[in-house]
Amino acid sequence: MEATAVQAVERNIVSVALASIQPSNYNPRKNFDEASLAELAESIKQQGVLQPIGVRPVENNRFEIVFGERRYRASQMTGLEVIPAIVMEISDEVAEEMAVTENLQRKDVTPIEEANAYQRLMESGRHDVQSLAVQFGKSENYIHTRLKFVSLIPEIADLLEQDEITISVASEICRYGEDIQYEVYNKHLKEDVYYNSWRGLKASDVARNIERQYTTDLDRYAFDKTLCLSCPHNTNNMVLFCEGGCGNCSNRTCLAEMNATYLAEKAVHLMEQHPTALLCHESSNYNKTVVERLTAMGYEVESLQPHAKACPEQPEVPRQEDYETTEEYEEANKDYEQELSEYTEECEEIRTRSEADEITFYLRIGSNDIILCYLVNTATATNGTVQEKPVSPVEKLEKQDKRNKEIAQEKTVEDTKKQIVEIDMSERKFGQDEDKMMYFFLLSSLRKEHFTEFGIEDKGSYYYLTGEDKMRIIENLTAKQKAIIRRDFLLANFKDAYGDNAVASLLLAFAQKHMPEQLADIKNGHNEVYEKRHLRIEEKKAVLLVQEQAKQGAEQSDEPQSEAEVQTTEQLQAEEIAA
């Protein structure tokens, strides 16, 4: 007899038809061990379901599992029609919390399932780390560590689930962002990595390796690191191996952005202090992001040769607390006074030369800082010697203004190139202006023997059409000139003809129309050679066929090859060598 949806068994517990039950999305458990389910199913066959599952009614007279999905699955395997259950009228929020809590109390819960469960309880807004620690009898540090596992990339999370790495190793890796995690996985933890594999290493060794290979010392950067002191990406805040100082940064994107912002702001500030200075960078070892930002702001940034001399830096005043004895401190003061005197003298010389327009100041953009430097203004005299060439501040500003205008034009062209390909032109009429543009580009293939047809005088074999030449030509094209341009374009592209490719087919079709007699002579000449070679090959094939047949006959009769056959073979070999 088929079971009804619900049958009362005793108070608070009812029998529910398995067919009317559905799993819940709230269950943090995603993996069910088949062997374990089979054991449970066998136990249910022998003793029945000893502990009821929890369900709640949902629409269409069905029930959703709150807890006990393993018992539900095992009962299905046994073929049972009903299962004892506690039916609860509860909200979605309560159902989710009960499902998560019940599953977290299992002994076989995996670290990732546990992490996801804690995360869902936190996201519900009804729990924080402290309340979770109390409810599940764990320390707050334990809860914090498990919550970090949510940030593991899937590949490393799978390794943890499969016990390929330990919880301690996973705890070290999850401190870092996805970019570092993917590098660690691909280079050190992937199954096919044999050289420099980190599998089997202690957690402390993995932590040291990551810090050494994938983080950057913040002391190398000049920007304000106040925010870095409390940042979770600062290795000083990762508990292990804190050795003082600013620490190392593991967030490359944030580090690059803070450095670029600082350098751009410093460049603007220095330009206000030194209005005649020019921004520059060396051919390598500079911050490209900063250069792009300053260029977009309207500043000209030149590429400067590396021989520009840095302006002197003021020496630091010695502090008495940095020295063990009074004598050492006094000696440091004497050195400071000497350095300060030299610094003042050098600054005065630079100032004097600057007022005489003998030098040009530059603000050189490096990777992590901006340095004030200068170059001597030079020009080559008629005798080949180098003489100083003064350049006034007004000329420098005019040069910068001219470059800014060029930058505006360059950016306009670049942005237009990006946008124009996205415009749908298919429905627009092809105009006369576009026809001229087509011929402008086709003129790149114009042969030099046709230059005179377009009014270009003979300027030597190395002369080529300039943009100005092409613009002048396309303004008044005749039908004959258009035909010359188009045909020269075809001839230029026929160079890609080879064998029986598509371009070769077009080439032969063009020749058949415009030079049929010459094409016929060419074909006949090559075909004649081919026919002779073909005939010779057929003759050799016939001889080889006779020889092969004779050889087969000799083998069958165990008789040696006749003298005539030997002579035929030798003659054939000689002919092949001669050929």
Protein backbone atom coordinates (compact mmCIF):
# COMPACT_ATOMS: atom_id res chain seq x y z
CA MET A 1 0.00 0.00 0.00
CA GLU A 2 1.38 3.39 -1.00
CA ALA A 3 2.27 5.65 1.91
CA THR A 4 0.43 8.92 2.42
CA ALA A 5 2.35 12.14 2.72
CA VAL A 6 2.26 12.23 6.54
CA GLN A 7 1.32 9.52 9.05
CA ALA A 8 1.36 10.20 12.83
CA VAL A 9 3.67 7.88 14.76
CA GLU A 10 3.93 9.53 18.14
CA ARG A 11 3.75 13.03 19.56
CA ASN A 12 5.92 15.52 17.58
CA ILE A 13 7.22 12.79 15.25
CA VAL A 14 5.45 11.78 12.03
CA SER A 15 6.18 9.52 9.08
CA VAL A 16 6.72 11.44 5.86
CA ALA A 17 6.75 9.93 2.38
CA LEU A 18 10.25 10.11 0.89
CA ALA A 19 8.70 11.06 -2.46
CA SER A 20 7.38 14.29 -0.96
CA ILE A 21 10.74 15.37 0.55
CA GLN A 22 13.36 17.54 -1.17
CA PRO A 23 16.90 18.53 -0.07
CA SER A 24 17.63 22.08 1.06
CA ASN A 25 20.07 24.58 -0.39
CA TYR A 26 20.96 25.58 3.17
CA ASN A 27 22.93 22.43 3.86
CA PRO A 28 26.63 23.35 3.95
CA ARG A 29 27.51 19.74 3.23
CA LYS A 30 28.13 19.27 -0.49
CA ASN A 31 30.06 16.00 -0.58
CA PHE A 32 28.54 12.70 0.55
CA ASP A 33 30.83 9.68 0.85
CA GLU A 34 29.22 6.80 -1.04
CA ALA A 35 30.82 4.09 1.12
CA SER A 36 29.61 5.75 4.28
CA LEU A 37 26.10 6.12 2.83
CA ALA A 38 26.10 2.44 1.91
CA GLU A 39 26.99 1.47 5.50
CA LEU A 40 24.22 3.68 6.85
CA ALA A 41 21.74 2.21 4.35
CA GLU A 42 22.64 -1.32 5.54
CA SER A 43 22.11 -0.23 9.14
CA ILE A 44 18.70 1.21 8.25
CA LYS A 45 17.72 -2.07 6.59
CA GLN A 46 18.49 -3.92 9.81
CA GLN A 47 17.25 -1.47 12.45
CA GLY A 48 15.31 1.24 10.63
CA VAL A 49 15.86 4.99 10.97
CA LEU A 50 16.62 5.42 14.68
CA GLN A 51 16.76 9.22 14.71
CA PRO A 52 14.12 11.28 12.86
CA ILE A 53 15.16 13.92 10.34
CA GLY A 54 13.97 17.52 10.53
CA VAL A 55 11.74 18.92 7.79
CA ARG A 56 9.54 21.95 7.21
CA PRO A 57 6.52 22.27 4.92
CA VAL A 58 6.95 24.17 1.66
CA GLU A 59 4.63 24.82 -1.29
CA ASN A 60 2.82 22.11 -3.28
CA ASN A 61 2.40 19.89 -0.19
CA ARG A 62 6.08 19.07 -0.10
CA PHE A 63 8.68 19.12 2.67
CA GLU A 64 12.20 20.52 2.75
CA ILE A 65 15.00 18.94 4.78
CA VAL A 66 16.29 21.05 7.67
CA PHE A 67 18.71 18.42 8.98
CA GLY A 68 19.33 14.71 8.37
CA GLU A 69 20.05 14.61 4.62
CA ARG A 70 22.39 11.58 5.02
CA ARG A 71 19.59 9.56 6.62
CA TYR A 72 17.25 10.69 3.82
CA ARG A 73 19.71 9.61 1.09
CA ALA A 74 20.47 6.28 2.79
CA SER A 75 16.72 5.58 3.17
CA GLN A 76 16.26 6.17 -0.55
CA MET A 77 19.00 3.61 -1.22
CA THR A 78 17.14 1.01 0.83
CA GLY A 79 13.88 1.54 -1.05
CA LEU A 80 11.91 2.82 1.96
CA GLU A 81 8.74 4.74 1.23
CA VAL A 82 8.50 6.75 4.48
CA ILE A 83 10.89 8.14 7.06
CA PRO A 84 10.32 9.40 10.62
CA ALA A 85 10.56 13.18 10.75
CA ILE A 86 9.96 16.17 12.95
CA VAL A 87 7.87 18.71 11.03
CA MET A 88 8.69 22.30 12.03
CA GLU A 89 6.95 25.54 11.07
CA ILE A 90 10.02 27.79 10.85
CA SER A 91 11.24 30.70 8.70
CA ASP A 92 13.94 30.57 6.06
CA GLU A 93 16.42 32.23 8.42
CA VAL A 94 15.80 29.76 11.25
CA ALA A 95 15.88 26.81 8.85
CA GLU A 96 19.25 27.91 7.49
CA GLU A 97 20.74 28.38 10.95
CA MET A 98 19.47 25.00 12.14
CA ALA A 99 20.83 23.27 9.03
CA VAL A 100 24.23 24.87 9.38
CA THR A 101 24.44 24.29 13.12
CA GLU A 102 23.42 20.63 12.89
CA ASN A 103 25.99 19.94 10.19
CA LEU A 104 28.78 21.74 12.05
CA GLN A 105 28.33 19.30 14.93
CA ARG A 106 29.32 16.35 12.74
CA LYS A 107 32.76 14.84 13.27
CA ASP A 108 33.51 14.46 9.56
CA VAL A 109 32.84 18.05 8.53
CA THR A 110 35.63 19.28 6.23
CA PRO A 111 37.52 22.56 6.87
CA ILE A 112 36.04 24.18 3.75
CA GLU A 113 32.48 23.12 4.62
CA GLU A 114 33.05 24.46 8.13
CA ALA A 115 34.40 27.74 6.74
CA ASN A 116 31.42 28.21 4.42
CA ALA A 117 29.02 27.40 7.26
CA TYR A 118 30.54 30.01 9.59
CA GLN A 119 30.52 32.51 6.75
CA ARG A 120 26.79 31.97 6.11
CA LEU A 121 25.99 32.40 9.80
CA MET A 122 28.02 35.63 9.85
CA GLU A 123 26.26 36.92 6.72
CA SER A 124 22.85 36.28 8.29
CA GLY A 125 23.56 39.17 10.64
CA ARG A 126 22.58 37.17 13.72
CA HIS A 127 26.11 36.11 14.62
CA ASP A 128 29.60 37.49 15.02
CA VAL A 129 32.89 35.77 15.77
CA GLN A 130 32.29 35.95 19.52
CA SER A 131 28.81 34.37 19.42
CA LEU A 132 29.99 31.62 17.05
CA ALA A 133 32.85 30.80 19.40
CA VAL A 134 30.41 30.47 22.31
CA GLN A 135 27.80 28.47 20.39
CA PHE A 136 30.24 25.89 19.03
CA GLY A 137 32.71 25.83 21.88
CA LYS A 138 35.63 27.08 19.77
CA SER A 139 38.18 29.84 20.35
CA GLU A 140 37.78 33.12 18.49
CA ASN A 141 41.13 32.51 16.78
CA TYR A 142 39.83 29.14 15.53
CA ILE A 143 36.75 30.82 14.04
CA HIS A 144 38.88 33.57 12.44
CA THR A 145 41.19 30.97 10.87
CA ARG A 146 38.32 28.93 9.47
CA LEU A 147 36.65 32.05 8.04
CA LYS A 148 39.83 32.84 6.10
CA PHE A 149 39.50 29.53 4.24
CA VAL A 150 36.59 31.11 2.34
CA SER A 151 39.15 33.21 0.47
CA LEU A 152 41.10 30.19 -0.79
CA ILE A 153 41.04 29.73 -4.55
CA PRO A 154 39.14 26.56 -5.62
CA GLU A 155 42.32 24.69 -6.59
CA ILE A 156 43.93 25.10 -3.17
CA ALA A 157 40.61 24.51 -1.39
CA ASP A 158 40.41 21.15 -3.20
CA LEU A 159 43.91 20.26 -2.02
CA LEU A 160 42.83 20.95 1.55
CA GLU A 161 39.64 18.91 1.14
CA GLN A 162 41.66 15.97 -0.21
CA ASP A 163 44.28 16.22 2.58
CA GLU A 164 46.99 17.06 0.02
CA ILE A 165 47.99 20.02 2.20
CA THR A 166 47.55 20.52 5.94
CA ILE A 167 45.27 22.98 7.68
CA SER A 168 48.36 24.84 8.92
CA VAL A 169 49.71 25.28 5.37
CA ALA A 170 46.28 26.41 4.13
CA SER A 171 46.16 28.91 7.02
CA GLU A 172 49.37 30.51 5.75
CA ILE A 173 48.30 30.60 2.10
CA CYS A 174 44.85 32.08 2.76
CA ARG A 175 46.46 35.21 4.21
CA TYR A 176 47.29 36.31 0.64
CA GLY A 177 45.24 37.49 -2.31
CA GLU A 178 44.12 35.42 -5.30
CA ASP A 179 47.00 36.53 -7.53
CA ILE A 180 49.61 35.20 -5.12
CA GLN A 181 47.57 32.07 -4.39
CA TYR A 182 47.39 31.21 -8.10
CA GLU A 183 51.16 31.68 -8.47
CA VAL A 184 51.83 29.50 -5.42
CA TYR A 185 49.50 26.81 -6.76
CA ASN A 186 50.77 26.79 -10.35
CA LYS A 187 54.48 26.95 -9.46
CA HIS A 188 54.67 24.97 -6.21
CA LEU A 189 51.54 22.93 -5.43
CA LYS A 190 50.19 21.67 -8.75
CA GLU A 191 50.30 17.91 -9.17
CA ASP A 192 52.69 17.97 -12.14
CA VAL A 193 55.19 20.31 -10.42
CA TYR A 194 58.30 18.39 -9.48
CA TYR A 195 60.99 21.06 -9.28
CA ASN A 196 60.61 23.38 -6.27
CA SER A 197 57.41 21.70 -5.09
CA TRP A 198 56.14 22.84 -1.68
CA ARG A 199 54.04 19.76 -1.00
CA GLY A 200 55.09 18.21 2.29
CA LEU A 201 56.77 21.38 3.61
CA LYS A 202 56.04 22.63 7.10
CA ALA A 203 53.70 25.60 7.45
CA SER A 204 56.55 27.78 8.76
CA ASP A 205 58.63 27.00 5.64
CA VAL A 206 55.73 27.79 3.32
CA ALA A 207 55.16 31.08 5.16
CA ARG A 208 58.83 32.08 4.77
CA ASN A 209 58.85 31.12 1.08
CA ILE A 210 55.76 33.18 0.28
CA GLU A 211 57.05 36.21 2.17
CA ARG A 212 60.43 36.00 0.45
CA GLN A 213 59.15 35.40 -3.10
CA TYR A 214 55.78 37.14 -3.33
CA THR A 215 55.88 40.20 -1.05
CA THR A 216 57.68 43.54 -1.29
CA ASP A 217 59.60 45.41 1.42
CA LEU A 218 57.67 48.60 2.19
CA ASP A 219 60.89 50.36 3.26
CA ARG A 220 61.73 50.63 -0.45
CA TYR A 221 58.85 53.10 -0.96
CA ALA A 222 58.64 56.75 0.07
CA PHE A 223 54.85 57.21 0.37
CA ASP A 224 53.12 57.59 3.76
CA LYS A 225 52.65 54.11 5.22
CA THR A 226 50.24 54.99 8.03
CA LEU A 227 47.46 52.93 6.45
CA CYS A 228 49.88 50.06 5.90
CA LEU A 229 50.51 49.70 9.63
CA SER A 230 47.02 48.25 10.18
CA CYS A 231 46.56 46.62 6.76
CA PRO A 232 45.93 42.85 6.79
CA HIS A 233 48.20 42.55 3.73
CA ASN A 234 51.17 43.80 5.74
CA THR A 235 53.22 40.77 6.78
CA ASN A 236 53.83 42.41 10.16
CA ASN A 237 50.14 41.81 10.83
CA MET A 238 50.31 38.13 9.90
CA VAL A 239 51.75 37.19 13.32
CA LEU A 240 54.59 34.95 12.12
CA PHE A 241 58.12 36.22 11.41
CA CYS A 242 57.57 39.86 12.31
CA GLU A 243 61.03 41.42 12.38
CA GLY A 244 60.14 45.08 12.88
CA GLY A 245 60.27 47.84 10.28
CA CYS A 246 57.38 48.63 7.94
CA GLY A 247 56.91 45.00 6.99
CA ASN A 248 56.29 43.53 3.54
CA CYS A 249 53.24 44.14 1.36
CA SER A 250 51.46 41.18 -0.23
CA ASN A 251 48.86 43.23 -2.15
CA ARG A 252 50.68 44.18 -5.34
CA THR A 253 47.76 46.09 -6.86
CA CYS A 254 47.27 48.29 -3.79
CA LEU A 255 51.02 48.86 -3.44
CA ALA A 256 51.37 49.94 -7.09
CA GLU A 257 48.35 52.28 -6.81
CA MET A 258 49.55 53.96 -3.59
CA ASN A 259 53.04 54.40 -5.05
CA ALA A 260 51.72 55.82 -8.34
CA THR A 261 49.34 58.22 -6.55
CA TYR A 262 52.14 59.45 -4.30
CA LEU A 263 54.57 59.99 -7.18
CA ALA A 264 52.00 61.81 -9.34
CA GLU A 265 51.09 64.14 -6.46
CA LYS A 266 54.78 64.72 -5.66
CA ALA A 267 55.49 65.55 -9.31
CA VAL A 268 52.73 68.18 -9.38
CA HIS A 269 53.98 69.66 -6.10
CA LEU A 270 57.58 69.83 -7.35
CA MET A 271 56.45 71.41 -10.62
CA GLU A 272 54.86 74.19 -8.58
CA GLN A 273 58.14 74.69 -6.70
CA HIS A 274 60.22 74.54 -9.90
CA PRO A 275 57.98 75.96 -12.70
CA THR A 276 60.79 75.95 -15.29
CA ALA A 277 61.78 72.33 -14.64
CA LEU A 278 60.85 69.70 -17.20
CA LEU A 279 59.43 66.30 -16.36
CA CYS A 280 61.43 63.37 -17.69
CA HIS A 281 62.23 59.70 -17.29
CA GLU A 282 65.07 57.42 -18.31
CA SER A 283 64.66 54.85 -21.06
CA SER A 284 64.11 52.15 -18.41
CA ASN A 285 63.52 51.86 -14.68
CA TYR A 286 60.67 54.34 -14.42
CA ASN A 287 57.02 54.24 -13.34
CA LYS A 288 54.96 54.01 -16.54
CA THR A 289 51.65 54.54 -14.72
CA VAL A 290 52.84 57.88 -13.33
CA VAL A 291 54.08 59.02 -16.75
CA GLU A 292 50.70 58.14 -18.31
CA ARG A 293 48.79 60.00 -15.59
CA LEU A 294 50.92 63.12 -15.83
CA THR A 295 50.66 63.09 -19.62
CA ALA A 296 46.87 62.82 -19.36
CA MET A 297 46.94 65.83 -17.00
CA GLY A 298 48.63 67.89 -19.73
CA TYR A 299 52.25 67.64 -18.63
CA GLU A 300 55.03 66.93 -21.10
CA VAL A 301 57.27 64.05 -20.02
CA GLU A 302 60.50 63.67 -21.98
CA SER A 303 62.73 60.63 -22.31
CA LEU A 304 66.05 61.77 -20.85
CA GLN A 305 69.52 60.31 -21.26
CA PRO A 306 70.89 58.80 -18.03
CA HIS A 307 73.80 61.28 -17.71
CA ALA A 308 71.66 64.00 -16.07
CA LYS A 309 73.24 64.92 -12.71
CA ALA A 310 71.11 64.74 -9.56
CA CYS A 311 70.92 67.90 -7.46
CA PRO A 312 72.62 67.52 -4.06
CA GLU A 313 70.60 66.47 -1.01
CA GLN A 314 70.95 68.34 2.26
CA PRO A 315 72.85 66.25 4.82
CA GLU A 316 71.02 65.10 7.96
CA VAL A 317 71.86 66.60 11.33
CA PRO A 318 73.34 63.88 13.59
CA ARG A 319 71.33 62.92 16.68
CA GLN A 320 73.20 62.35 19.93
CA GLU A 321 71.05 59.34 20.86
CA ASP A 322 72.38 57.51 17.81
CA TYR A 323 75.94 57.48 19.19
CA GLU A 324 77.37 55.54 22.12
CA THR A 325 79.99 58.08 23.19
CA THR A 326 80.34 61.86 23.22
CA GLU A 327 83.50 61.60 21.13
CA GLU A 328 81.65 59.73 18.35
CA TYR A 329 78.87 62.32 18.38
CA GLU A 330 81.34 65.24 18.17
CA GLU A 331 83.17 63.55 15.31
CA ALA A 332 79.84 63.11 13.48
CA ASN A 333 79.10 66.82 13.96
CA LYS A 334 82.43 67.76 12.37
CA ASP A 335 81.65 65.55 9.38
CA TYR A 336 78.20 67.11 9.13
CA GLU A 337 79.60 70.64 9.10
CA GLN A 338 81.98 69.69 6.30
CA GLU A 339 79.19 68.05 4.29
CA LEU A 340 76.90 71.06 4.87
CA SER A 341 79.59 73.43 3.63
CA GLU A 342 80.09 71.39 0.47
CA TYR A 343 76.32 71.16 -0.02
CA THR A 344 75.88 74.95 0.32
CA GLU A 345 78.73 75.61 -2.10
CA GLU A 346 77.36 73.23 -4.72
CA CYS A 347 73.84 74.66 -4.40
CA GLU A 348 75.18 78.18 -4.90
CA GLU A 349 77.03 77.12 -8.04
CA ILE A 350 73.90 75.48 -9.44
CA ARG A 351 71.82 78.59 -8.64
CA THR A 352 74.30 80.87 -10.39
CA ARG A 353 74.40 78.73 -13.51
CA SER A 354 70.61 78.50 -13.53
CA GLU A 355 70.23 82.29 -13.44
CA ALA A 356 72.66 82.48 -16.38
CA ASP A 357 70.50 79.94 -18.29
CA GLU A 358 73.46 77.58 -18.49
CA ILE A 359 71.57 74.55 -17.15
CA THR A 360 68.11 73.04 -17.46
CA PHE A 361 66.37 71.48 -14.47
CA TYR A 362 64.54 68.18 -14.80
CA LEU A 363 62.27 66.22 -12.47
CA ARG A 364 63.25 62.63 -13.18
CA ILE A 365 60.50 60.05 -12.57
CA GLY A 366 61.88 56.81 -11.19
CA SER A 367 60.19 53.62 -10.08
CA ASN A 368 59.68 54.70 -6.47
CA ASP A 369 60.69 58.37 -6.29
CA ILE A 370 61.12 61.64 -8.21
CA ILE A 371 64.53 63.36 -8.19
CA LEU A 372 65.47 66.92 -9.14
CA CYS A 373 68.41 66.84 -11.58
CA TYR A 374 69.95 69.06 -14.27
CA LEU A 375 71.72 69.05 -17.63
CA VAL A 376 74.12 71.62 -19.11
CA ASN A 377 72.62 73.36 -22.14
CA THR A 378 74.83 72.53 -25.12
CA ALA A 379 74.98 73.10 -28.88
CA THR A 380 77.51 72.11 -31.54
CA ALA A 381 79.54 75.00 -32.99
CA THR A 382 80.80 75.24 -36.60
CA ASN A 383 84.20 73.81 -35.63
CA GLY A 384 82.55 70.77 -34.07
CA THR A 385 83.21 71.76 -30.45
CA VAL A 386 80.47 71.77 -27.84
CA GLN A 387 79.46 75.22 -26.57
CA GLU A 388 76.97 76.25 -23.94
CA LYS A 389 73.64 77.36 -25.35
CA PRO A 390 71.40 79.34 -23.00
CA VAL A 391 67.69 78.61 -23.14
CA SER A 392 65.38 81.15 -21.54
CA PRO A 393 62.57 80.09 -19.17
CA VAL A 394 60.02 81.58 -21.61
CA GLU A 395 61.36 79.37 -24.43
CA LYS A 396 61.09 76.34 -22.18
CA LEU A 397 57.44 77.13 -21.38
CA GLU A 398 56.63 77.76 -25.05
CA LYS A 399 58.20 74.42 -25.93
CA GLN A 400 56.12 72.73 -23.26
CA ASP A 401 52.94 74.44 -24.52
CA LYS A 402 53.67 73.27 -28.08
CA ARG A 403 54.15 69.72 -26.87
CA ASN A 404 50.90 69.88 -24.88
CA LYS A 405 49.05 70.79 -28.07
CA GLU A 406 50.70 67.88 -29.88
CA ILE A 407 49.64 65.57 -27.06
CA ALA A 408 46.02 66.74 -27.39
CA GLN A 409 46.10 65.91 -31.11
CA GLU A 410 47.74 62.53 -30.50
CA LYS A 411 45.17 61.58 -27.87
CA THR A 412 42.32 62.71 -30.14
CA VAL A 413 43.56 60.46 -32.93
CA GLU A 414 44.11 57.48 -30.61
CA ASP A 415 40.66 57.72 -29.02
CA THR A 416 39.02 58.17 -32.44
CA LYS A 417 40.79 55.03 -33.73
CA LYS A 418 39.34 53.07 -30.80
CA GLN A 419 35.79 54.37 -31.23
CA ILE A 420 35.43 54.36 -35.01
CA VAL A 421 35.62 50.56 -35.32
CA GLU A 422 32.55 50.24 -33.08
CA ILE A 423 30.33 52.33 -35.37
CA ASP A 424 28.04 50.39 -37.72
CA MET A 425 28.78 51.72 -41.24
CA SER A 426 26.98 48.99 -43.18
CA GLU A 427 23.88 51.05 -43.91
CA ARG A 428 25.67 54.28 -44.79
CA LYS A 429 26.30 55.34 -48.39
CA PHE A 430 29.90 55.18 -49.62
CA GLY A 431 30.68 58.84 -50.43
CA GLN A 432 33.13 60.62 -52.72
CA ASP A 433 35.32 61.60 -49.77
CA GLU A 434 35.68 57.93 -48.84
CA ASP A 435 36.52 57.13 -52.46
CA LYS A 436 39.41 59.60 -52.25
CA MET A 437 40.57 58.00 -49.00
CA MET A 438 40.65 54.59 -50.69
CA TYR A 439 42.94 55.92 -53.45
CA PHE A 440 45.14 57.60 -50.83
CA PHE A 441 45.94 54.18 -49.33
CA LEU A 442 46.12 52.43 -52.73
CA LEU A 443 48.79 54.92 -53.82
CA SER A 444 51.25 53.15 -51.50
CA SER A 445 51.59 50.50 -54.24
CA LEU A 446 52.12 52.94 -57.14
CA ARG A 447 55.15 51.91 -59.18
CA LYS A 448 57.88 54.52 -59.79
CA GLU A 449 57.56 54.26 -63.57
CA HIS A 450 54.10 55.81 -63.20
CA PHE A 451 55.19 58.77 -61.05
CA THR A 452 55.42 61.11 -64.07
CA GLU A 453 51.77 60.32 -64.91
CA PHE A 454 50.89 62.03 -61.61
CA GLY A 455 53.25 64.98 -61.94
CA ILE A 456 55.98 63.56 -59.70
CA GLU A 457 59.42 64.39 -61.08
CA ASP A 458 62.23 61.85 -61.10
CA LYS A 459 63.80 62.20 -57.65
CA GLY A 460 65.90 59.06 -57.61
CA SER A 461 65.17 55.39 -57.14
CA TYR A 462 64.87 55.74 -53.36
CA TYR A 463 62.16 58.40 -53.40
CA TYR A 464 58.71 57.36 -52.20
CA LEU A 465 55.40 59.19 -52.15
CA THR A 466 54.92 61.34 -49.06
CA GLY A 467 51.59 62.00 -47.40
CA GLU A 468 51.56 65.46 -48.96
CA ASP A 469 52.15 63.95 -52.44
CA LYS A 470 49.22 61.57 -51.98
CA MET A 471 46.87 64.29 -50.67
CA ARG A 472 47.63 66.42 -53.74
CA ILE A 473 47.16 63.51 -56.17
CA ILE A 474 43.74 62.37 -54.88
CA GLU A 475 42.22 65.84 -55.28
CA ASN A 476 41.98 65.64 -59.13
CA LEU A 477 42.17 62.01 -60.26
CA THR A 478 41.29 61.11 -63.86
CA ALA A 479 39.75 57.78 -64.88
CA LYS A 480 43.09 56.71 -66.39
CA GLN A 481 44.98 57.56 -63.21
CA LYS A 482 42.49 55.62 -61.11
CA ALA A 483 42.96 52.57 -63.32
CA ILE A 484 46.76 52.83 -62.98
CA ILE A 485 46.51 53.05 -59.18
CA ARG A 486 44.14 50.08 -58.91
CA ARG A 487 46.20 47.89 -61.25
CA ASP A 488 49.47 48.74 -59.52
CA PHE A 489 47.78 47.73 -56.26
CA LEU A 490 46.79 44.38 -57.80
CA LEU A 491 50.28 43.81 -59.17
CA ALA A 492 51.82 44.59 -55.79
CA ASN A 493 49.63 41.99 -54.12
CA PHE A 494 50.26 39.33 -56.79
CA LYS A 495 53.70 38.89 -55.17
CA ASP A 496 51.96 36.58 -52.68
CA ALA A 497 51.00 34.16 -55.48
CA TYR A 498 52.47 30.70 -54.92
CA GLY A 499 51.73 27.27 -56.34
CA ASP A 500 47.97 26.79 -56.56
CA ASN A 501 46.89 29.19 -53.79
CA ALA A 502 44.02 31.63 -54.24
CA VAL A 503 46.29 34.56 -55.15
CA ALA A 504 47.91 32.42 -57.88
CA SER A 505 44.47 31.74 -59.39
CA LEU A 506 43.74 35.48 -59.48
CA LEU A 507 47.16 36.17 -61.03
CA LEU A 508 46.62 33.68 -63.87
CA ALA A 509 43.10 35.02 -64.49
CA PHE A 510 44.50 38.57 -64.69
CA ALA A 511 47.24 37.44 -67.10
CA GLN A 512 44.71 35.52 -69.26
CA LYS A 513 42.74 38.71 -69.76
CA HIS A 514 45.53 41.21 -70.28
CA MET A 515 48.42 39.13 -71.75
CA PRO A 516 46.96 35.88 -73.14
CA GLU A 517 49.71 35.33 -75.76
CA GLN A 518 52.54 35.80 -73.27
CA LEU A 519 50.76 33.52 -70.78
CA ALA A 520 50.33 30.87 -73.47
CA ASP A 521 54.06 31.03 -74.33
CA ILE A 522 54.96 30.67 -70.65
CA LYS A 523 52.63 27.72 -70.18
CA ASN A 524 53.81 26.00 -73.36
CA GLY A 525 57.46 26.37 -72.41
CA HIS A 526 56.99 24.83 -68.98
CA ASN A 527 54.55 22.18 -70.19
CA GLU A 528 57.02 21.08 -72.86
CA VAL A 529 59.66 20.47 -70.20
CA TYR A 530 57.09 18.67 -68.08
CA GLU A 531 56.04 16.34 -70.94
CA LYS A 532 59.64 15.30 -71.58
CA ARG A 533 60.20 14.55 -67.92
CA HIS A 534 56.87 12.77 -67.70
CA LEU A 535 57.73 10.55 -70.67
CA ARG A 536 61.09 9.65 -69.16
CA ILE A 537 59.49 8.73 -65.85
CA GLU A 538 56.96 6.49 -67.59
CA GLU A 539 59.80 4.69 -69.38
CA LYS A 540 61.61 4.08 -66.09
CA LYS A 541 58.42 2.86 -64.47
CA ALA A 542 57.94 0.33 -67.31
CA VAL A 543 61.51 -0.99 -66.90
CA LEU A 544 61.06 -1.29 -63.13
CA LEU A 545 57.81 -3.13 -63.62
CA VAL A 546 59.47 -5.69 -65.92
CA GLN A 547 62.34 -6.08 -63.49
CA GLU A 548 59.98 -6.59 -60.54
CA GLN A 549 58.01 -9.22 -62.42
CA ALA A 550 61.24 -11.03 -63.38
CA LYS A 551 62.45 -10.90 -59.81
CA GLN A 552 59.24 -12.42 -58.51
CA GLY A 553 59.50 -15.21 -61.10
CA ALA A 554 63.11 -15.94 -60.11
CA GLU A 555 62.22 -16.13 -56.44
CA GLN A 556 59.44 -18.58 -57.14
CA SER A 557 61.77 -20.87 -59.17
CA ASP A 558 64.80 -20.27 -56.92
CA GLU A 559 66.78 -19.48 -60.03
CA PRO A 560 69.41 -16.70 -60.09
CA GLN A 561 68.71 -13.53 -61.99
CA SER A 562 69.62 -13.78 -65.66
CA GLU A 563 72.51 -11.84 -67.12
CA ALA A 564 70.11 -9.78 -69.24
CA GLU A 565 68.12 -8.80 -66.15
CA VAL A 566 71.29 -7.84 -64.33
CA GLN A 567 72.34 -5.69 -67.28
CA THR A 568 68.90 -4.07 -67.34
CA THR A 569 69.16 -3.23 -63.63
CA GLU A 570 72.64 -1.79 -63.96
CA GLN A 571 71.62 0.26 -66.99
CA LEU A 572 68.61 1.65 -65.12
CA GLN A 573 70.74 2.62 -62.11
CA ALA A 574 73.27 4.34 -64.36
CA GLU A 575 70.51 6.31 -66.09
CA GLU A 576 69.06 7.39 -62.74
CA ILE A 577 72.48 8.61 -61.59
CA ALA A 578 72.99 10.51 -64.85
CA ALA A 579 69.53 12.03 -64.57
